[in-house]
Amino acid sequence: MFESVLVANRGEIARRIVRTVRAMGLRAIVVHSEADIDLPFVREADETFLLGPAAPAQSYLDIAKVMEACRVTGAQAVHPGYGFLAESAAFARAVTEAGLVWIGPSPDAIERMGDKINARNLMERAGVPVAAGTREPVTGPAQALASAAEIGYPVMVKTAGGGGGIGMGVAHDEAGLTKAFETASRAAERFGGGGGAAPAILLERYIERARHVEVQILGLADGTVVALGERDCSVQRRHQKVVEESPSPGITPELRERMLAAAVRAGEAVGYRGAGTVECLVDADAQDFVFLEMNTRLQVEHPVTELVTGIDLVEQQLRVAAGEPVTFPVASRGHAVEPNGHAIEFRVYAEDPKRFFPGPGKIGVWEEPTGPGIRLDSGYVAGNTVTPFYDPLMAKLCVHGADREEALARAREAVAAFRVEGPKNNLPFCAELLDNAEFISGDYDTGLVARMRS
């Protein structure tokens, strides 16, 4: 096992990784921008390195500066967290070429799964169900119209690279497709680095009443790929997740088995190592699913899996990267452990709870809920400022119960007890959701939040 880990991230995920790194007796090193110097993750690390100004391009996204931090601090391994450089094959290569341990899948796996079209084609060859869609990049409006006519409306339009729901749109007819294609193209140019090349767009058949369900996989040091259950991520605004739960209340045991097996095949197809997530769209009416994408990193919502399995995923990432066995028994191919109870995660954002626009500001009051089954992964404390430079996620409020009913009850108590004053926040939305009959029933889909706001 290496002796030191540099966390190339910030906020709650950096703080969460530092916690496990130190619990394992290793030295935790963090990098930070000028804007983050007073945040808890900086204070709680064993060593820190200032990257530069607040702008991500001059700090957390600057590969050369992060590699300099590794050299200066003597870091032996690098954990990228999620976002920023976590799914950068170039960064992963820079780390490994410097003789350091990359805590994640190989640069090749990141590259192969980073392009949604290539990933989709690879999954189809591996026997993983995919939606009807384009097998080559769509680069112009005319090609998009011809492809949509062949696929059949409605279609989902999205960029071939990137994630987080950026640029995604649904088209029900030709006029809608033209608009959605323009939106996706602009997003591809803005986040894909430009360079003059035509933006690569992917079209897929859209499932009207869909659930977004993902499977947590872990590729072990010996080459085995196991599935650690699923998470339901269907509560979304603007195609971005807000609430996640495990197990999913909307799939049958038979469908769960098929999804876990498909996720294992997906991991095996790319020789996956470390923690990753196979995301799927589930047709709630037909009880069937298709591959959506694969995230080659730790997910924001990983705590719900940790709560129902009792497995520290960050610890397992470190052990796999060090070539060591995991700490839990692997019963058979595709399965590792059975879930214990039910867990739900609420992303607490500094944002308007009605329109979901970011609302940065200084935190005057920060009172965290406590009690049985409550876990809070937070990136801030009272006196800190949520700046406009980064994602406005402040904390992840997670609850665990013996069953979904108990988890919901604990969630209501925890949301009511969580006091944040200063920046706008979405805790009122969380309380509203917990009173929503559709959510309470468990029979909901990705259109839930839109219906709540219509």
Protein backbone atom coordinates (compact mmCIF):
# COMPACT_ATOMS: atom_id res chain seq x y z
CA MET A 1 0.00 0.00 0.00
CA PHE A 2 1.22 3.49 -0.82
CA GLU A 3 1.67 5.90 2.09
CA SER A 4 0.18 9.16 0.77
CA VAL A 5 -2.77 10.17 -1.39
CA LEU A 6 -3.27 13.51 -3.12
CA VAL A 7 -6.96 14.39 -3.58
CA ALA A 8 -7.33 16.31 -6.82
CA ASN A 9 -10.71 17.82 -5.98
CA ARG A 10 -12.51 20.10 -3.55
CA GLY A 11 -15.51 20.50 -1.24
CA GLU A 12 -17.50 17.64 0.23
CA ILE A 13 -15.97 14.90 -1.91
CA ALA A 14 -12.40 15.95 -1.04
CA ARG A 15 -13.36 16.04 2.63
CA ARG A 16 -15.00 12.62 2.39
CA ILE A 17 -11.95 11.05 0.69
CA VAL A 18 -9.60 12.62 3.24
CA ARG A 19 -11.63 10.99 6.00
CA THR A 20 -11.06 7.48 4.67
CA VAL A 21 -7.44 8.11 3.69
CA ARG A 22 -6.59 9.20 7.23
CA ALA A 23 -8.64 6.37 8.79
CA MET A 24 -6.43 3.95 6.85
CA GLY A 25 -3.32 5.52 8.37
CA LEU A 26 -2.24 7.21 5.15
CA ARG A 27 -1.17 10.83 4.60
CA ALA A 28 -3.92 12.96 3.04
CA ILE A 29 -2.82 15.78 0.73
CA VAL A 30 -5.25 18.23 -0.86
CA VAL A 31 -4.94 20.89 -3.51
CA HIS A 32 -7.08 24.02 -3.37
CA SER A 33 -7.78 27.33 -5.05
CA GLU A 34 -7.56 30.76 -3.43
CA ALA A 35 -11.36 30.76 -3.08
CA ASP A 36 -11.38 27.54 -1.05
CA ILE A 37 -8.62 28.25 1.45
CA ASP A 38 -11.01 28.37 4.45
CA LEU A 39 -13.10 25.30 3.63
CA PRO A 40 -13.07 22.22 5.93
CA PHE A 41 -11.37 19.90 3.43
CA VAL A 42 -8.30 22.14 3.48
CA ARG A 43 -8.15 22.37 7.27
CA GLU A 44 -8.60 18.62 7.78
CA ALA A 45 -5.85 17.44 5.42
CA ASP A 46 -2.33 16.56 6.52
CA GLU A 47 -0.79 18.73 3.81
CA THR A 48 -2.11 21.31 1.37
CA PHE A 49 -1.00 22.89 -1.91
CA LEU A 50 -2.32 26.16 -3.37
CA LEU A 51 -3.04 25.74 -7.07
CA GLY A 52 -3.95 29.31 -7.93
CA PRO A 53 -6.94 31.60 -8.54
CA ALA A 54 -10.57 30.55 -8.17
CA ALA A 55 -11.24 29.93 -11.86
CA PRO A 56 -11.22 26.14 -12.45
CA ALA A 57 -9.05 26.48 -15.55
CA GLN A 58 -6.37 28.09 -13.39
CA SER A 59 -6.70 25.65 -10.51
CA TYR A 60 -8.57 22.33 -10.37
CA LEU A 61 -8.51 21.78 -14.15
CA ASP A 62 -4.83 22.66 -14.62
CA ILE A 63 -3.09 19.29 -15.04
CA ALA A 64 0.40 20.81 -14.92
CA LYS A 65 -0.30 22.52 -11.59
CA VAL A 66 -1.80 19.39 -10.03
CA MET A 67 1.19 17.35 -11.17
CA GLU A 68 3.49 19.99 -9.66
CA ALA A 69 1.58 19.57 -6.40
CA CYS A 70 2.27 15.83 -6.54
CA ARG A 71 5.98 16.47 -7.04
CA VAL A 72 6.30 19.08 -4.30
CA THR A 73 4.34 17.12 -1.69
CA GLY A 74 5.80 13.73 -2.53
CA ALA A 75 2.38 12.19 -3.11
CA GLN A 76 2.47 8.54 -4.11
CA ALA A 77 -1.12 8.17 -5.33
CA VAL A 78 -3.83 10.44 -6.75
CA HIS A 79 -7.58 10.23 -6.14
CA PRO A 80 -9.54 12.46 -8.55
CA GLY A 81 -12.95 12.36 -6.81
CA TYR A 82 -15.69 13.26 -9.32
CA GLY A 83 -15.96 16.14 -11.76
CA PHE A 84 -12.99 18.32 -12.78
CA LEU A 85 -10.24 15.90 -13.97
CA ALA A 86 -11.82 12.68 -12.69
CA GLU A 87 -12.65 11.40 -16.17
CA SER A 88 -9.68 12.93 -17.98
CA ALA A 89 -7.65 10.22 -19.69
CA ALA A 90 -4.87 12.81 -20.18
CA PHE A 91 -4.67 13.41 -16.43
CA ALA A 92 -4.72 9.69 -15.65
CA ARG A 93 -1.84 9.18 -18.09
CA ALA A 94 0.12 12.07 -16.61
CA VAL A 95 -0.22 10.49 -13.17
CA THR A 96 0.85 7.02 -14.25
CA GLU A 97 3.67 8.30 -16.47
CA ALA A 98 5.02 10.15 -13.43
CA GLY A 99 5.30 6.80 -11.66
CA LEU A 100 2.37 7.50 -9.32
CA VAL A 101 -0.66 5.33 -8.57
CA TRP A 102 -3.87 6.41 -10.30
CA ILE A 103 -6.89 5.58 -8.14
CA GLY A 104 -9.29 4.81 -10.92
CA PRO A 105 -9.68 2.81 -14.13
CA SER A 106 -7.03 2.80 -16.85
CA PRO A 107 -6.70 5.83 -19.15
CA ASP A 108 -7.80 3.54 -21.99
CA ALA A 109 -11.03 2.59 -20.19
CA ILE A 110 -11.74 6.26 -19.44
CA GLU A 111 -11.21 7.15 -23.09
CA ARG A 112 -13.32 4.31 -24.47
CA MET A 113 -16.27 5.08 -22.20
CA GLY A 114 -15.94 8.87 -22.35
CA ASP A 115 -17.36 9.05 -25.86
CA LYS A 116 -21.03 8.11 -25.55
CA ILE A 117 -21.25 6.84 -29.13
CA ASN A 118 -18.19 4.60 -28.83
CA ALA A 119 -19.37 3.42 -25.42
CA ARG A 120 -22.81 2.65 -26.78
CA ASN A 121 -21.42 0.60 -29.66
CA LEU A 122 -19.04 -1.27 -27.37
CA MET A 123 -21.85 -2.11 -24.96
CA GLU A 124 -24.02 -3.40 -27.79
CA ARG A 125 -21.21 -5.75 -28.87
CA ALA A 126 -20.87 -6.92 -25.24
CA GLY A 127 -24.54 -7.90 -25.11
CA VAL A 128 -25.70 -4.95 -23.02
CA PRO A 129 -29.12 -3.63 -24.17
CA VAL A 130 -29.01 -0.21 -25.89
CA ALA A 131 -31.74 2.05 -27.23
CA ALA A 132 -32.27 2.50 -30.95
CA GLY A 133 -29.93 5.32 -31.91
CA THR A 134 -27.05 6.61 -34.01
CA ARG A 135 -23.88 4.52 -34.25
CA GLU A 136 -21.85 7.37 -35.74
CA PRO A 137 -21.57 11.05 -34.65
CA VAL A 138 -24.30 13.31 -36.02
CA THR A 139 -22.61 16.51 -37.14
CA GLY A 140 -25.30 18.50 -38.93
CA PRO A 141 -29.03 19.35 -38.78
CA ALA A 142 -29.88 17.49 -41.98
CA GLN A 143 -28.20 14.33 -40.75
CA ALA A 144 -30.02 14.72 -37.43
CA LEU A 145 -33.41 14.96 -39.15
CA ALA A 146 -32.69 11.88 -41.27
CA SER A 147 -31.51 9.90 -38.24
CA ALA A 148 -34.54 10.88 -36.16
CA ALA A 149 -36.89 9.80 -38.95
CA GLU A 150 -35.22 6.38 -38.94
CA ILE A 151 -35.18 6.04 -35.12
CA GLY A 152 -38.68 7.39 -34.62
CA TYR A 153 -39.84 10.22 -32.36
CA PRO A 154 -39.46 11.14 -29.57
CA VAL A 155 -35.66 11.22 -29.53
CA MET A 156 -33.12 12.26 -26.92
CA VAL A 157 -30.42 14.60 -28.25
CA LYS A 158 -27.11 14.86 -26.38
CA THR A 159 -23.43 15.55 -26.84
CA ALA A 160 -21.18 12.55 -27.50
CA GLY A 161 -18.81 13.68 -24.74
CA GLY A 162 -19.33 15.20 -21.30
CA GLY A 163 -21.97 14.51 -18.68
CA GLY A 164 -24.15 16.04 -16.01
CA GLY A 165 -27.09 16.44 -18.39
CA ILE A 166 -25.44 19.44 -20.07
CA GLY A 167 -26.92 20.12 -23.51
CA MET A 168 -29.47 17.30 -23.37
CA GLY A 169 -32.92 17.76 -24.85
CA VAL A 170 -35.95 15.79 -25.98
CA ALA A 171 -37.48 16.28 -29.42
CA HIS A 172 -41.01 15.14 -30.30
CA ASP A 173 -40.99 16.44 -33.88
CA GLU A 174 -38.76 18.04 -36.52
CA ALA A 175 -39.10 21.56 -35.11
CA GLY A 176 -38.18 20.33 -31.65
CA LEU A 177 -35.24 18.39 -33.06
CA THR A 178 -33.83 21.45 -34.80
CA LYS A 179 -33.93 23.38 -31.54
CA ALA A 180 -32.52 20.52 -29.44
CA PHE A 181 -29.72 19.92 -31.94
CA GLU A 182 -28.69 23.58 -31.79
CA THR A 183 -28.65 23.48 -27.97
CA ALA A 184 -26.56 20.30 -27.89
CA SER A 185 -24.17 21.68 -30.51
CA ARG A 186 -23.55 24.83 -28.52
CA ALA A 187 -22.90 22.74 -25.41
CA ALA A 188 -20.50 20.48 -27.32
CA GLU A 189 -18.55 23.49 -28.60
CA ARG A 190 -18.49 25.16 -25.19
CA PHE A 191 -17.40 22.15 -23.16
CA GLY A 192 -15.55 20.17 -25.80
CA GLY A 193 -12.76 22.62 -26.34
CA GLY A 194 -13.77 23.85 -29.78
CA GLY A 195 -10.89 23.45 -32.23
CA GLY A 196 -13.06 24.04 -35.28
CA ALA A 197 -14.32 20.46 -35.59
CA ALA A 198 -18.05 19.87 -36.03
CA PRO A 199 -19.70 18.99 -32.70
CA ALA A 200 -20.47 15.28 -32.28
CA ILE A 201 -24.08 14.65 -31.30
CA LEU A 202 -25.83 11.41 -30.35
CA LEU A 203 -29.52 10.67 -30.97
CA GLU A 204 -31.36 7.88 -29.16
CA ARG A 205 -34.95 6.76 -28.90
CA TYR A 206 -36.50 8.50 -25.89
CA ILE A 207 -38.43 6.51 -23.32
CA GLU A 208 -41.45 8.57 -22.29
CA ARG A 209 -41.96 7.21 -18.76
CA ALA A 210 -38.45 6.32 -17.74
CA ARG A 211 -36.61 5.75 -14.51
CA HIS A 212 -32.90 6.51 -14.30
CA VAL A 213 -31.32 3.55 -12.51
CA GLU A 214 -27.59 2.93 -12.21
CA VAL A 215 -25.52 -0.02 -11.05
CA GLN A 216 -22.42 0.38 -8.88
CA ILE A 217 -19.61 -1.84 -10.12
CA LEU A 218 -16.15 -2.48 -8.73
CA GLY A 219 -13.34 -3.95 -10.79
CA LEU A 220 -11.03 -5.85 -8.45
CA ALA A 221 -7.25 -6.15 -8.62
CA ASP A 222 -7.51 -9.77 -9.82
CA GLY A 223 -9.67 -8.78 -12.81
CA THR A 224 -13.02 -9.77 -11.34
CA VAL A 225 -15.87 -7.29 -11.82
CA VAL A 226 -18.66 -7.27 -9.23
CA ALA A 227 -21.92 -5.35 -8.91
CA LEU A 228 -22.82 -3.73 -5.59
CA GLY A 229 -26.50 -3.12 -6.24
CA GLU A 230 -28.37 -0.29 -7.91
CA ARG A 231 -29.39 3.29 -7.19
CA ASP A 232 -32.51 5.02 -8.45
CA CYS A 233 -31.65 8.54 -9.65
CA SER A 234 -34.98 9.49 -11.21
CA VAL A 235 -35.59 12.66 -9.16
CA GLN A 236 -33.94 15.20 -11.48
CA ARG A 237 -34.18 18.83 -12.52
CA ARG A 238 -32.86 19.80 -15.95
CA HIS A 239 -31.61 16.22 -16.42
CA GLN A 240 -29.45 16.57 -13.30
CA LYS A 241 -29.88 14.36 -10.24
CA VAL A 242 -31.20 15.76 -6.97
CA VAL A 243 -32.25 12.69 -4.95
CA GLU A 244 -31.05 9.09 -5.16
CA GLU A 245 -32.11 5.94 -3.34
CA SER A 246 -31.17 2.28 -3.02
CA PRO A 247 -32.62 -0.20 -3.68
CA SER A 248 -34.77 1.20 -6.49
CA PRO A 249 -38.47 0.99 -5.57
CA GLY A 250 -39.43 0.80 -9.24
CA ILE A 251 -37.86 -2.41 -10.53
CA THR A 252 -38.69 -6.06 -10.02
CA PRO A 253 -36.21 -8.62 -8.62
CA GLU A 254 -36.00 -10.21 -12.08
CA LEU A 255 -35.13 -6.90 -13.73
CA ARG A 256 -32.58 -6.16 -11.00
CA GLU A 257 -30.81 -9.46 -11.71
CA ARG A 258 -30.62 -8.69 -15.43
CA MET A 259 -29.31 -5.16 -14.81
CA LEU A 260 -26.60 -6.33 -12.41
CA ALA A 261 -25.46 -9.00 -14.87
CA ALA A 262 -25.38 -6.50 -17.74
CA ALA A 263 -23.36 -4.04 -15.65
CA VAL A 264 -20.79 -6.74 -14.92
CA ARG A 265 -20.54 -7.51 -18.66
CA ALA A 266 -20.04 -3.80 -19.30
CA GLY A 267 -17.16 -3.64 -16.84
CA GLU A 268 -15.57 -6.80 -18.23
CA ALA A 269 -15.79 -5.44 -21.78
CA VAL A 270 -13.33 -2.66 -20.92
CA GLY A 271 -11.21 -4.49 -18.35
CA TYR A 272 -12.52 -2.18 -15.67
CA ARG A 273 -10.65 -1.59 -12.40
CA GLY A 274 -11.88 0.41 -9.43
CA ALA A 275 -15.27 2.00 -8.79
CA GLY A 276 -17.53 2.83 -11.70
CA THR A 277 -21.20 3.18 -12.52
CA VAL A 278 -23.26 1.75 -15.37
CA GLU A 279 -26.23 4.06 -15.91
CA CYS A 280 -29.45 2.78 -17.46
CA LEU A 281 -32.86 4.03 -18.49
CA VAL A 282 -35.66 1.79 -17.31
CA ASP A 283 -39.02 1.62 -19.06
CA ALA A 284 -41.22 1.65 -15.98
CA ASP A 285 -44.18 0.17 -17.86
CA ALA A 286 -42.37 -2.60 -19.76
CA GLN A 287 -39.93 -3.37 -16.92
CA ASP A 288 -37.03 -3.36 -19.34
CA PHE A 289 -33.85 -1.28 -19.58
CA VAL A 290 -31.23 0.12 -21.93
CA PHE A 291 -27.66 1.30 -21.39
CA LEU A 292 -27.29 5.07 -20.97
CA GLU A 293 -23.61 5.67 -20.20
CA MET A 294 -20.76 4.59 -17.95
CA ASN A 295 -19.18 6.92 -15.41
CA THR A 296 -15.56 5.93 -14.90
CA ARG A 297 -15.26 7.37 -11.41
CA LEU A 298 -16.85 7.53 -7.98
CA GLN A 299 -20.39 8.92 -8.14
CA VAL A 300 -21.81 11.80 -6.11
CA GLU A 301 -24.45 9.41 -4.78
CA HIS A 302 -22.08 6.63 -3.67
CA PRO A 303 -23.08 7.03 0.04
CA VAL A 304 -26.44 5.31 -0.50
CA THR A 305 -24.63 2.20 -1.69
CA GLU A 306 -22.28 2.42 1.28
CA LEU A 307 -25.23 2.65 3.66
CA VAL A 308 -27.04 -0.41 2.33
CA THR A 309 -23.91 -2.55 1.89
CA GLY A 310 -21.71 -1.41 4.78
CA ILE A 311 -18.80 -1.11 2.33
CA ASP A 312 -16.54 1.96 2.24
CA LEU A 313 -16.15 2.44 -1.51
CA VAL A 314 -13.23 4.84 -1.20
CA GLU A 315 -11.35 2.30 0.90
CA GLN A 316 -11.98 -0.36 -1.75
CA GLN A 317 -10.76 2.05 -4.46
CA LEU A 318 -7.51 2.51 -2.58
CA ARG A 319 -7.06 -1.22 -2.03
CA VAL A 320 -7.75 -2.09 -5.67
CA ALA A 321 -5.33 0.61 -6.86
CA ALA A 322 -2.67 -0.82 -4.52
CA GLY A 323 -3.24 -4.32 -5.90
CA GLU A 324 -4.74 -5.58 -2.66
CA PRO A 325 -7.91 -7.68 -2.15
CA VAL A 326 -11.13 -5.98 -1.08
CA THR A 327 -12.45 -6.29 2.46
CA PHE A 328 -15.77 -7.97 1.64
CA PRO A 329 -16.52 -11.51 0.39
CA VAL A 330 -17.30 -11.90 -3.30
CA ALA A 331 -19.87 -14.67 -3.49
CA SER A 332 -20.20 -15.14 -7.24
CA ARG A 333 -19.80 -13.40 -10.56
CA GLY A 334 -21.99 -10.34 -10.64
CA HIS A 335 -22.85 -10.31 -6.95
CA ALA A 336 -21.01 -9.22 -3.84
CA VAL A 337 -23.44 -8.47 -1.03
CA GLU A 338 -27.18 -8.27 -0.47
CA PRO A 339 -28.53 -4.83 0.47
CA ASN A 340 -29.44 -4.18 4.09
CA GLY A 341 -32.39 -1.83 4.47
CA HIS A 342 -33.02 1.29 2.40
CA ALA A 343 -31.03 4.51 1.91
CA ILE A 344 -31.88 7.88 0.36
CA GLU A 345 -29.59 10.80 -0.49
CA PHE A 346 -30.68 14.44 -0.86
CA ARG A 347 -28.27 16.81 -2.57
CA VAL A 348 -28.40 20.07 -0.65
CA TYR A 349 -27.63 22.89 -3.05
CA ALA A 350 -27.19 26.62 -2.65
CA GLU A 351 -29.97 27.33 -5.11
CA ASP A 352 -33.46 28.73 -5.42
CA PRO A 353 -35.82 25.90 -4.34
CA LYS A 354 -38.43 26.87 -6.92
CA ARG A 355 -36.49 27.58 -10.13
CA PHE A 356 -33.24 25.85 -9.11
CA PHE A 357 -30.96 28.72 -10.08
CA PRO A 358 -27.66 28.92 -8.13
CA GLY A 359 -27.75 31.21 -5.08
CA PRO A 360 -24.22 31.62 -3.68
CA GLY A 361 -23.54 33.53 -0.49
CA LYS A 362 -21.99 33.49 2.96
CA ILE A 363 -23.32 30.88 5.38
CA GLY A 364 -24.51 32.52 8.60
CA VAL A 365 -26.12 29.46 10.22
CA TRP A 366 -25.19 25.84 9.60
CA GLU A 367 -26.84 23.36 11.98
CA GLU A 368 -26.51 19.74 10.93
CA PRO A 369 -29.12 17.08 11.76
CA THR A 370 -28.08 14.13 13.88
CA GLY A 371 -29.70 10.88 14.96
CA PRO A 372 -30.05 7.20 14.05
CA GLY A 373 -29.53 6.45 10.37
CA ILE A 374 -28.43 9.98 9.43
CA ARG A 375 -25.20 10.66 7.52
CA LEU A 376 -24.12 14.08 6.28
CA ASP A 377 -21.28 14.54 3.81
CA SER A 378 -20.77 18.30 3.88
CA GLY A 379 -18.29 20.67 2.33
CA TYR A 380 -19.06 23.75 4.39
CA VAL A 381 -19.52 25.07 7.93
CA ALA A 382 -20.91 28.32 9.30
CA GLY A 383 -18.82 31.28 8.18
CA ASN A 384 -17.83 29.74 4.85
CA THR A 385 -18.93 31.27 1.56
CA VAL A 386 -20.46 29.36 -1.32
CA THR A 387 -18.82 31.06 -4.29
CA PRO A 388 -20.13 31.25 -7.87
CA PHE A 389 -17.02 29.57 -9.27
CA TYR A 390 -18.04 25.95 -8.69
CA ASP A 391 -21.03 23.64 -8.50
CA PRO A 392 -23.34 24.91 -5.70
CA LEU A 393 -23.55 21.53 -3.94
CA MET A 394 -23.10 22.19 -0.20
CA ALA A 395 -23.81 18.79 1.32
CA LYS A 396 -25.34 15.37 0.80
CA LEU A 397 -27.92 14.48 3.42
CA CYS A 398 -28.24 10.69 3.57
CA VAL A 399 -30.59 8.55 5.62
CA HIS A 400 -30.80 4.80 6.20
CA GLY A 401 -33.68 2.75 7.56
CA ALA A 402 -34.72 -0.87 7.91
CA ASP A 403 -37.07 -0.28 4.97
CA ARG A 404 -38.14 2.58 2.68
CA GLU A 405 -40.91 3.71 5.04
CA GLU A 406 -38.45 4.14 7.91
CA ALA A 407 -35.94 5.86 5.64
CA LEU A 408 -38.61 8.35 4.53
CA ALA A 409 -39.58 9.06 8.13
CA ARG A 410 -35.96 9.70 9.09
CA ALA A 411 -35.52 11.88 6.02
CA ARG A 412 -38.43 14.12 7.05
CA GLU A 413 -36.92 14.57 10.51
CA ALA A 414 -33.44 15.24 9.13
CA VAL A 415 -34.58 17.76 6.51
CA ALA A 416 -36.64 19.63 9.12
CA ALA A 417 -33.66 19.73 11.52
CA PHE A 418 -31.10 20.90 8.94
CA ARG A 419 -30.77 24.69 9.26
CA VAL A 420 -28.88 26.70 6.66
CA GLU A 421 -29.12 30.47 6.58
CA GLY A 422 -27.37 32.84 4.21
CA PRO A 423 -27.35 31.41 0.69
CA LYS A 424 -30.59 30.25 -0.87
CA ASN A 425 -30.93 26.49 -0.56
CA ASN A 426 -33.17 23.66 -1.73
CA LEU A 427 -34.07 22.20 1.67
CA PRO A 428 -37.66 23.49 1.20
CA PHE A 429 -37.80 21.50 -2.04
CA CYS A 430 -36.59 18.38 -0.22
CA ALA A 431 -39.39 18.81 2.34
CA GLU A 432 -41.90 19.32 -0.48
CA LEU A 433 -40.71 16.16 -2.22
CA LEU A 434 -41.10 14.14 0.98
CA ASP A 435 -44.77 15.15 1.07
CA ASN A 436 -45.36 14.33 -2.59
CA ALA A 437 -47.70 11.37 -3.02
CA GLU A 438 -45.99 10.17 -6.19
CA PHE A 439 -42.56 10.10 -4.55
CA ILE A 440 -43.91 8.51 -1.37
CA SER A 441 -45.49 5.72 -3.42
CA GLY A 442 -42.17 4.92 -5.11
CA ASP A 443 -43.95 4.89 -8.48
CA TYR A 444 -42.29 7.91 -10.09
CA ASP A 445 -40.11 8.69 -13.11
CA THR A 446 -37.69 11.34 -14.37
CA GLY A 447 -40.55 13.74 -15.07
CA LEU A 448 -41.52 14.03 -11.40
CA VAL A 449 -39.86 17.36 -10.63
CA ALA A 450 -41.17 18.94 -13.83
CA ARG A 451 -44.68 17.90 -12.85
CA MET A 452 -44.18 19.34 -9.37
CA ARG A 453 -43.25 22.69 -10.95
CA SER A 454 -45.88 22.74 -13.72
